[in-house]
Protein backbone atom coordinates (compact mmCIF):
# COMPACT_ATOMS: atom_id res chain seq x y z
CA MET A 1 47.50 21.82 13.76
CA THR A 2 48.26 18.19 13.02
CA THR A 3 48.82 17.44 9.37
CA ALA A 4 46.49 14.76 8.07
CA PRO A 5 48.21 11.69 6.67
CA ALA A 6 48.09 11.03 2.96
CA PRO A 7 44.99 8.97 2.16
CA ILE A 8 45.45 5.30 1.39
CA ASP A 9 43.93 4.18 -1.90
CA THR A 10 41.99 1.17 -0.63
CA SER A 11 40.72 0.27 -4.11
CA HIS A 12 44.20 -1.12 -4.82
CA TYR A 13 43.47 -3.99 -2.42
CA PHE A 14 40.07 -5.06 -3.75
CA THR A 15 40.08 -8.15 -5.91
CA THR A 16 38.73 -8.21 -9.44
CA ASP A 17 38.56 -12.01 -9.43
CA PRO A 18 35.09 -12.94 -10.78
CA HIS A 19 35.01 -15.93 -8.41
CA ALA A 20 35.74 -13.88 -5.28
CA GLU A 21 32.05 -13.43 -4.45
CA ALA A 22 31.41 -17.15 -4.31
CA ARG A 23 34.49 -17.69 -2.12
CA SER A 24 33.61 -14.81 0.22
CA LEU A 25 29.89 -14.82 0.89
CA SER A 26 27.54 -17.13 2.76
CA ASP A 27 25.09 -19.31 0.90
CA THR A 28 22.29 -17.16 2.31
CA ALA A 29 23.81 -13.98 0.92
CA LEU A 30 24.58 -15.59 -2.42
CA GLY A 31 21.00 -16.85 -2.72
CA LEU A 32 19.38 -13.48 -2.11
CA THR A 33 17.68 -11.77 -5.01
CA GLY A 34 17.18 -8.04 -5.23
CA SER A 35 13.78 -6.41 -5.22
CA GLU A 36 12.39 -6.15 -8.74
CA ILE A 37 10.12 -3.34 -7.53
CA LEU A 38 13.08 -1.26 -6.36
CA LYS A 39 14.90 -1.90 -9.65
CA ILE A 40 11.90 -0.61 -11.58
CA ALA A 41 11.57 2.36 -9.21
CA SER A 42 15.23 3.24 -9.80
CA GLU A 43 14.63 3.18 -13.54
CA ILE A 44 11.65 5.52 -13.16
CA ARG A 45 13.62 7.97 -11.01
CA ALA A 46 16.28 8.18 -13.70
CA LEU A 47 13.66 8.89 -16.37
CA VAL A 48 12.02 11.60 -14.28
CA ALA A 49 15.42 13.15 -13.51
CA ALA A 50 16.06 13.24 -17.26
CA GLY A 51 12.86 15.25 -17.75
CA GLN A 52 10.51 12.52 -19.03
CA ASP A 53 6.83 12.85 -18.12
CA VAL A 54 6.04 9.66 -16.17
CA CYS A 55 2.96 8.76 -14.16
CA ASN A 56 4.73 6.76 -11.46
CA LEU A 57 2.49 3.96 -10.17
CA THR A 58 5.31 1.66 -9.08
CA VAL A 59 6.39 1.91 -5.44
CA GLY A 60 4.09 1.36 -2.48
CA ASP A 61 5.01 4.74 -1.08
CA PHE A 62 3.56 8.22 -0.74
CA ASN A 63 4.67 11.52 -2.20
CA PRO A 64 4.74 13.84 0.84
CA GLN A 65 3.54 16.67 -1.37
CA GLN A 66 0.41 14.66 -2.13
CA PHE A 67 0.02 12.90 1.23
CA PRO A 68 1.82 14.63 4.12
CA ILE A 69 1.95 12.89 7.47
CA PRO A 70 -0.55 13.96 10.16
CA VAL A 71 0.27 17.31 11.78
CA LYS A 72 -0.17 15.67 15.19
CA LEU A 73 2.51 13.10 14.39
CA ARG A 74 4.89 15.71 12.99
CA ASP A 75 4.56 18.17 15.84
CA ALA A 76 4.65 15.57 18.62
CA THR A 77 7.82 14.02 17.16
CA ILE A 78 9.50 17.42 16.90
CA GLN A 79 8.54 18.17 20.51
CA ALA A 80 10.03 14.86 21.64
CA LEU A 81 13.29 15.64 19.83
CA GLN A 82 13.41 19.11 21.34
CA ALA A 83 12.87 17.55 24.76
CA GLY A 84 15.99 15.41 24.28
CA GLN A 85 14.29 12.08 23.57
CA THR A 86 17.21 10.84 21.47
CA ASN A 87 18.61 7.90 23.46
CA TYR A 88 17.84 4.21 23.01
CA PRO A 89 14.22 3.16 23.48
CA PRO A 90 13.42 0.01 25.49
CA ALA A 91 13.93 -3.16 23.43
CA ASP A 92 10.19 -3.83 23.17
CA GLY A 93 9.29 -0.18 22.58
CA MET A 94 8.31 2.90 24.52
CA PRO A 95 5.60 2.06 27.07
CA GLU A 96 3.57 5.06 25.87
CA LEU A 97 3.36 3.66 22.33
CA ARG A 98 2.72 0.07 23.43
CA ARG A 99 -0.17 1.29 25.58
CA ALA A 100 -1.44 3.41 22.69
CA VAL A 101 -1.46 0.37 20.37
CA VAL A 102 -3.37 -1.64 23.00
CA ALA A 103 -5.92 1.18 23.39
CA MET A 104 -6.33 1.66 19.63
CA TYR A 105 -6.87 -2.07 18.98
CA GLU A 106 -9.54 -2.12 21.67
CA ARG A 107 -11.17 1.09 20.45
CA MET A 108 -11.07 0.44 16.69
CA LEU A 109 -10.84 -3.35 16.31
CA GLY A 110 -12.67 -4.50 19.41
CA LEU A 111 -9.66 -6.56 20.56
CA HIS A 112 -8.15 -6.29 24.03
CA TYR A 113 -4.53 -7.40 24.32
CA PRO A 114 -2.19 -7.18 27.33
CA ILE A 115 0.69 -4.78 26.80
CA GLU A 116 3.08 -7.77 26.93
CA CYS A 117 1.78 -8.78 23.50
CA VAL A 118 3.06 -5.61 21.78
CA THR A 119 6.57 -5.22 20.35
CA ILE A 120 7.52 -1.96 18.64
CA VAL A 121 9.88 -2.14 15.64
CA SER A 122 11.23 0.09 12.87
CA GLY A 123 8.42 -0.42 10.39
CA ALA A 124 6.69 -3.65 9.40
CA ARG A 125 9.68 -5.41 7.83
CA PRO A 126 11.50 -6.28 11.09
CA ALA A 127 8.21 -7.60 12.49
CA LEU A 128 7.77 -9.83 9.45
CA TYR A 129 11.32 -11.13 9.66
CA ALA A 130 11.07 -11.63 13.43
CA THR A 131 7.88 -13.65 12.98
CA TYR A 132 9.60 -15.99 10.54
CA ALA A 133 12.74 -16.23 12.66
CA ALA A 134 10.87 -16.79 15.93
CA LEU A 135 8.63 -19.57 14.61
CA LEU A 136 10.40 -21.43 11.82
CA ASN A 137 13.30 -23.85 12.07
CA PRO A 138 15.28 -24.43 8.87
CA GLY A 139 13.31 -26.73 6.60
CA GLU A 140 9.93 -26.08 8.24
CA THR A 141 7.11 -25.05 5.97
CA VAL A 142 5.49 -21.67 5.43
CA VAL A 143 2.45 -21.43 3.17
CA TYR A 144 1.65 -18.16 1.45
CA PRO A 145 -0.31 -17.01 -1.58
CA VAL A 146 1.10 -15.50 -4.73
CA PRO A 147 1.02 -12.76 -5.65
CA SER A 148 2.20 -11.44 -2.30
CA TRP A 149 4.95 -9.23 -0.99
CA ASN A 150 8.39 -10.43 0.17
CA ASN A 151 7.39 -13.80 1.66
CA ASN A 152 9.89 -15.48 -0.65
CA HIS A 153 12.73 -13.37 0.75
CA TYR A 154 11.89 -14.03 4.41
CA THR A 155 11.56 -17.73 3.63
CA HIS A 156 15.04 -17.71 2.13
CA LEU A 157 16.56 -15.74 5.02
CA THR A 158 15.27 -18.21 7.59
CA GLY A 159 15.99 -21.37 5.59
CA ALA A 160 12.34 -22.34 5.60
CA HIS A 161 10.51 -24.38 2.98
CA ALA A 162 7.92 -22.46 0.94
CA ILE A 163 4.63 -23.69 -0.44
CA GLU A 164 3.32 -21.02 -2.79
CA VAL A 165 -0.42 -21.08 -3.46
CA SER A 166 -1.28 -19.51 -6.80
CA THR A 167 -4.46 -17.44 -6.59
CA HIS A 168 -6.97 -16.33 -9.20
CA PRO A 169 -8.50 -13.02 -10.30
CA GLU A 170 -12.06 -14.29 -9.72
CA ASP A 171 -11.10 -14.59 -6.01
CA GLY A 172 -9.44 -11.19 -5.98
CA PHE A 173 -6.06 -12.99 -6.01
CA LEU A 174 -6.79 -13.96 -2.40
CA PRO A 175 -6.28 -17.51 -1.09
CA THR A 176 -9.31 -19.63 -0.29
CA ALA A 177 -9.65 -22.11 2.52
CA ALA A 178 -10.03 -24.85 -0.10
CA GLN A 179 -6.62 -23.94 -1.55
CA LEU A 180 -4.94 -23.87 1.87
CA ALA A 181 -6.57 -27.01 3.28
CA PRO A 182 -4.25 -29.58 1.61
CA HIS A 183 -1.22 -27.92 3.22
CA MET A 184 -2.42 -27.62 6.83
CA GLU A 185 -0.67 -30.69 8.24
CA GLN A 186 2.61 -29.76 6.61
CA ALA A 187 2.58 -26.05 7.52
CA ARG A 188 4.15 -24.40 10.52
CA LEU A 189 3.18 -20.88 9.44
CA ILE A 190 0.54 -19.46 7.11
CA ALA A 191 1.19 -15.91 5.92
CA LEU A 192 -1.73 -13.72 4.91
CA ASN A 193 -1.99 -10.03 4.06
CA THR A 194 -5.24 -8.09 3.82
CA PRO A 195 -5.87 -5.62 2.27
CA LEU A 196 -3.42 -7.30 -0.04
CA ASN A 197 -0.25 -5.89 -1.51
CA PRO A 198 -0.13 -5.99 -4.57
CA THR A 199 -3.81 -6.34 -5.47
CA GLY A 200 -5.68 -3.98 -3.15
CA THR A 201 -8.27 -6.68 -2.46
CA VAL A 202 -9.72 -7.64 0.94
CA ILE A 203 -10.44 -11.06 2.47
CA GLY A 204 -14.15 -11.44 3.20
CA ARG A 205 -15.54 -12.56 6.56
CA GLU A 206 -16.80 -15.95 5.40
CA GLU A 207 -13.53 -16.96 3.75
CA LEU A 208 -11.51 -15.81 6.74
CA GLU A 209 -13.82 -17.79 9.01
CA ARG A 210 -13.20 -20.94 6.95
CA ILE A 211 -9.43 -20.37 7.13
CA CYS A 212 -9.58 -19.85 10.90
CA ASP A 213 -11.62 -23.05 11.29
CA LEU A 214 -8.93 -24.98 9.43
CA ILE A 215 -6.15 -23.56 11.63
CA LEU A 216 -8.02 -24.25 14.86
CA ALA A 217 -8.91 -27.81 13.80
CA GLU A 218 -5.30 -28.49 12.85
CA ASN A 219 -4.06 -27.19 16.21
CA ARG A 220 -6.54 -29.38 18.07
CA ARG A 221 -5.08 -32.35 16.21
CA ARG A 222 -1.53 -31.23 17.01
CA ASP A 223 -2.31 -30.71 20.69
CA VAL A 224 -3.39 -34.36 20.93
CA ALA A 225 -0.36 -35.53 18.95
CA GLY A 226 2.08 -33.33 20.88
CA GLU A 227 3.21 -31.55 17.70
CA ARG A 228 4.36 -27.96 17.24
CA SER A 229 1.54 -25.46 16.74
CA LEU A 230 0.46 -23.88 13.47
CA PHE A 231 0.47 -20.06 13.45
CA LEU A 232 -1.05 -17.38 11.25
CA LEU A 233 1.00 -14.34 10.28
CA TYR A 234 -1.64 -11.68 9.67
CA ASP A 235 -0.12 -8.63 8.00
CA HIS A 236 -2.86 -6.00 8.09
CA ILE A 237 -0.83 -2.82 7.78
CA TYR A 238 -3.40 -1.45 5.30
CA TRP A 239 -6.43 -2.23 7.51
CA MET A 240 -7.51 1.40 7.89
CA LEU A 241 -7.58 1.82 4.11
CA THR A 242 -10.71 0.09 2.81
CA PHE A 243 -13.23 1.45 0.31
CA GLY A 244 -16.79 0.90 -0.82
CA THR A 245 -18.44 -2.10 0.80
CA ALA A 246 -15.14 -3.77 1.71
CA ARG A 247 -14.56 -4.27 5.42
CA HIS A 248 -11.53 -5.48 7.30
CA TYR A 249 -11.86 -8.42 9.68
CA THR A 250 -9.37 -9.94 12.13
CA PRO A 251 -9.02 -13.63 13.06
CA PRO A 252 -9.77 -13.14 16.82
CA GLU A 253 -12.87 -11.14 15.85
CA ILE A 254 -14.02 -14.15 13.81
CA ASN A 255 -13.11 -16.63 16.55
CA PRO A 256 -11.47 -15.45 19.82
CA ALA A 257 -9.54 -18.74 20.06
CA MET A 258 -7.42 -17.49 17.14
CA ALA A 259 -5.70 -15.02 19.48
CA ALA A 260 -3.45 -17.89 20.61
CA TYR A 261 -2.22 -18.51 17.06
CA THR A 262 -2.25 -15.07 15.37
CA ILE A 263 0.70 -12.71 14.96
CA PHE A 264 -0.39 -9.28 13.74
CA VAL A 265 2.02 -7.08 11.79
CA ASP A 266 1.04 -3.42 11.64
CA GLY A 267 2.35 0.15 11.77
CA ILE A 268 1.81 3.78 10.84
CA SER A 269 3.50 3.58 7.43
CA LYS A 270 0.44 3.17 5.22
CA ALA A 271 -2.54 4.42 7.22
CA PHE A 272 -0.76 7.70 7.93
CA ALA A 273 1.49 8.00 4.84
CA ALA A 274 4.46 7.77 7.21
CA THR A 275 6.64 5.26 5.37
CA GLY A 276 9.89 7.05 6.23
CA VAL A 277 9.09 7.57 9.90
CA ARG A 278 9.72 3.83 10.47
CA VAL A 279 7.34 2.95 13.29
CA GLY A 280 5.68 -0.46 13.25
CA TRP A 281 4.68 -3.17 15.66
CA ALA A 282 3.78 -6.81 16.14
CA VAL A 283 0.94 -8.02 18.35
CA ALA A 284 1.38 -11.66 19.33
CA PRO A 285 0.92 -14.12 22.20
CA PRO A 286 3.24 -12.95 25.02
CA HIS A 287 5.73 -15.85 24.81
CA ILE A 288 6.20 -15.19 21.08
CA ALA A 289 6.32 -11.41 21.48
CA ALA A 290 9.14 -11.79 24.03
CA ARG A 291 11.32 -13.70 21.56
CA MET A 292 10.48 -11.31 18.74
CA ARG A 293 11.63 -8.50 21.05
CA ASP A 294 14.95 -10.29 21.58
CA LEU A 295 15.44 -10.86 17.85
CA VAL A 296 14.71 -7.24 17.04
CA GLY A 297 17.03 -6.18 19.86
CA HIS A 298 19.96 -8.10 18.41
CA LEU A 299 19.26 -6.50 15.03
CA GLY A 300 18.94 -3.04 16.56
CA ALA A 301 15.76 -2.66 14.50
CA TRP A 302 14.05 -0.33 16.97
CA ALA A 303 11.93 2.58 15.90
CA PRO A 304 13.56 5.86 17.00
CA ARG A 305 12.51 7.03 20.46
CA ALA A 306 11.12 10.43 19.43
CA GLU A 307 9.11 8.96 16.56
CA GLN A 308 7.65 6.37 18.93
CA LEU A 309 6.51 9.10 21.31
CA GLY A 310 5.04 11.11 18.44
CA SER A 311 3.20 8.02 17.19
CA ALA A 312 1.81 7.37 20.66
CA GLN A 313 0.28 10.83 20.79
CA LEU A 314 -1.32 10.32 17.37
CA LEU A 315 -2.77 6.88 18.17
CA ASP A 316 -4.13 8.19 21.46
CA ASP A 317 -6.05 10.95 19.68
CA PRO A 318 -9.12 9.52 17.88
CA ALA A 319 -10.16 12.99 16.69
CA ALA A 320 -6.77 13.56 15.04
CA ILE A 321 -6.96 10.16 13.32
CA GLN A 322 -10.46 10.84 12.06
CA ALA A 323 -9.58 14.32 10.83
CA TYR A 324 -6.56 13.02 8.94
CA HIS A 325 -8.49 10.21 7.29
CA GLN A 326 -11.27 12.56 6.23
CA THR A 327 -8.76 13.98 3.76
CA MET A 328 -6.36 11.13 3.17
CA LEU A 329 -8.82 8.31 2.42
CA PRO A 330 -10.87 10.24 -0.18
CA GLY A 331 -7.58 11.26 -1.82
CA VAL A 332 -6.51 7.63 -2.19
CA GLN A 333 -9.95 6.51 -3.34
CA GLN A 334 -10.19 9.31 -5.91
CA ARG A 335 -6.97 8.17 -7.53
CA LEU A 336 -7.98 4.49 -7.50
CA ASP A 337 -11.42 5.28 -8.90
CA THR A 338 -9.95 7.48 -11.64
CA LEU A 339 -7.68 4.66 -12.75
CA TYR A 340 -10.39 2.03 -12.54
CA ASN A 341 -12.99 4.10 -14.40
CA GLY A 342 -10.44 5.03 -17.07
CA ILE A 343 -9.42 1.42 -17.65
CA MET A 344 -13.01 0.20 -17.76
CA ALA A 345 -13.86 2.94 -20.28
CA MET A 346 -11.07 1.54 -22.46
CA GLN A 347 -12.56 -1.94 -22.03
CA ASP A 348 -15.97 -0.60 -23.09
CA ALA A 349 -14.27 0.76 -26.20
CA GLY A 350 -13.09 -2.75 -27.07
CA LEU A 351 -9.51 -2.50 -25.84
CA PRO A 352 -7.93 -5.57 -24.17
CA VAL A 353 -7.85 -4.37 -20.56
CA ASP A 354 -9.56 -5.24 -17.28
CA ALA A 355 -9.40 -4.25 -13.62
CA ILE A 356 -10.74 -5.30 -10.22
CA PRO A 357 -12.81 -2.60 -8.50
CA PRO A 358 -10.87 -0.87 -5.69
CA GLN A 359 -11.34 -2.44 -2.27
CA GLY A 360 -8.43 -1.38 -0.09
CA ALA A 361 -4.80 -0.31 0.36
CA ILE A 362 -3.32 2.01 -2.30
CA TYR A 363 -3.32 -0.48 -5.17
CA LEU A 364 -5.39 -1.31 -8.22
CA SER A 365 -5.13 -4.65 -10.01
CA ALA A 366 -5.24 -4.04 -13.76
CA ARG A 367 -4.79 -6.41 -16.66
CA PHE A 368 -3.33 -5.51 -20.04
CA GLU A 369 -4.09 -8.53 -22.25
CA LEU A 370 -1.37 -7.88 -24.79
CA ILE A 371 0.66 -11.11 -24.84
CA GLY A 372 1.29 -12.03 -28.47
CA LYS A 373 0.09 -8.70 -29.84
CA THR A 374 2.17 -6.35 -31.97
CA LEU A 375 1.67 -2.64 -31.34
CA ASN A 376 3.65 0.15 -32.96
CA GLY A 377 6.01 -2.44 -34.37
CA VAL A 378 6.66 -4.02 -30.95
CA THR A 379 5.66 -7.65 -30.33
CA LEU A 380 4.78 -8.21 -26.68
CA ARG A 381 5.74 -11.66 -25.44
CA SER A 382 5.88 -11.24 -21.66
CA ASN A 383 4.64 -9.14 -18.76
CA GLU A 384 7.97 -7.35 -18.77
CA ASP A 385 7.46 -6.47 -22.45
CA ILE A 386 4.04 -5.01 -21.57
CA ARG A 387 5.47 -3.04 -18.66
CA ARG A 388 8.21 -1.58 -20.78
CA TYR A 389 5.84 -0.80 -23.64
CA LEU A 390 3.47 1.12 -21.36
CA LEU A 391 6.40 3.02 -19.90
CA GLU A 392 8.01 3.91 -23.21
CA ARG A 393 4.85 4.65 -25.21
CA ALA A 394 2.64 6.16 -22.51
CA GLY A 395 4.89 7.22 -19.65
CA PHE A 396 2.80 4.87 -17.52
CA ALA A 397 4.95 3.09 -14.89
CA VAL A 398 3.51 -0.07 -13.32
CA VAL A 399 4.79 -3.30 -11.72
CA PRO A 400 3.96 -6.78 -13.08
CA PHE A 401 2.55 -9.33 -10.67
CA GLY A 402 5.61 -11.41 -11.49
CA ALA A 403 7.50 -9.17 -9.05
CA PHE A 404 5.22 -10.64 -6.37
CA GLY A 405 5.70 -14.27 -7.29
CA LEU A 406 2.90 -14.87 -9.81
CA LYS A 407 4.47 -16.80 -12.67
CA ASP A 408 1.64 -16.44 -15.22
CA GLU A 409 2.40 -14.23 -18.21
CA SER A 410 -1.15 -12.92 -18.09
CA GLY A 411 -0.69 -9.15 -18.16
CA TRP A 412 -1.74 -8.41 -14.56
CA MET A 413 -0.08 -5.34 -13.07
CA ARG A 414 -0.02 -3.47 -9.76
CA LEU A 415 -0.89 0.23 -9.98
CA SER A 416 0.10 2.11 -6.81
CA VAL A 417 -1.40 5.58 -6.35
CA GLY A 418 0.41 7.06 -3.34
CA ALA A 419 3.07 8.89 -5.35
CA ALA A 420 0.90 10.23 -8.20
CA SER A 421 -1.37 13.26 -8.32
CA PRO A 422 -4.92 13.09 -9.74
CA GLN A 423 -3.74 15.35 -12.56
CA GLN A 424 -0.88 12.98 -13.46
CA ILE A 425 -3.27 10.03 -13.56
CA GLU A 426 -5.85 11.86 -15.66
CA ALA A 427 -3.15 13.00 -18.09
CA ALA A 428 -1.71 9.51 -18.42
CA LEU A 429 -4.93 7.63 -19.25
CA PRO A 430 -5.31 9.09 -22.79
CA ARG A 431 -1.67 8.18 -23.45
CA VAL A 432 -2.38 4.61 -22.33
CA ARG A 433 -5.42 4.46 -24.59
CA ARG A 434 -3.41 5.60 -27.62
CA ALA A 435 -0.69 3.06 -26.82
CA LEU A 436 -3.27 0.25 -26.64
CA GLU A 437 -4.74 1.38 -29.93
CA GLY A 438 -1.29 1.26 -31.46
CA SER A 439 -1.40 4.91 -32.43
């Protein structure tokens, strides 16, 4: 047996110079900011590990004990692994899954796309990044609403110029055509998400129609002028999760001409509680999809082959989808309704809270109007103060809208229900009430 050499202590060679980072890293890397949501989630995990009772409403994820993935997806993926489907998939995805996405969009959304429009990726994030990278030159403008998720980071990574449109609670924190209109000539990309992370609200048909009209009119002008087209990034990964009277609409459904300018971002992560399975896709005009495929290929951001084949079997089985959602959707809605009803009961009792009725996704928008108030000897001066107060006094873990770009210190928070049980939510609400009462 060969004797292993003595290990080299590599730490001896690492610099402790505080200026080394600036001399070593690119401007892009130096300008990146970490996810505030993940920082908060790490804090909550540490508290739970230490034995503290916390109702965790922070991350946009699912507890597999509360929301397991569909049996069809699990079993079909295992079968693919057992069959040796462990090598590289094609760069644009397994043909079986691409065809399944085409069939599902036609069956459930009424949209027929050629298979060349579909690119499979490892979750929605690579599709979002590839959209930015495929369309935007450095310095070109992307317009997106705040609050919204991660647009600021993709703007930074591609060197684009951001125009952030601040939205309002009376509009469900969704952008209006009137807000977007002044930026049409300047924009190269408009980024929308519905149902919206972080608010759980859904763009209505009439407003989406007005936005589509603006985009089409602007592209008619650009066609005459010989200018680069304006595109719409339409992230609808939560589209299967709508509640009450809310309904999801797509731009080509509103006006078929929008198919030429719309890039869909989608996947199984949210609709099937499969966040860790990492299967997503983009649906785009073929010439854009081809370049997105190449970008994803250079990143190696493919979804694993077996998981793609498992996902294809699920999407091709309408009965399995329906059976899964008959349990999953009421479970999400029950949690959202429990939170909403509990918060509105506190409002009825005269406490300074508010919420928007649940519409979609796994999020509730709730407001804790506590800026400037002193409770239990603590003066609350910012959204972060409110977040920390709710966590420390009530074991109630939420994320301020500031983590999604909204600068107002107005007390609006995202409450995400995928990782909490109904019992945890019900137990937490009386604690929140006592904290708001200052008792």
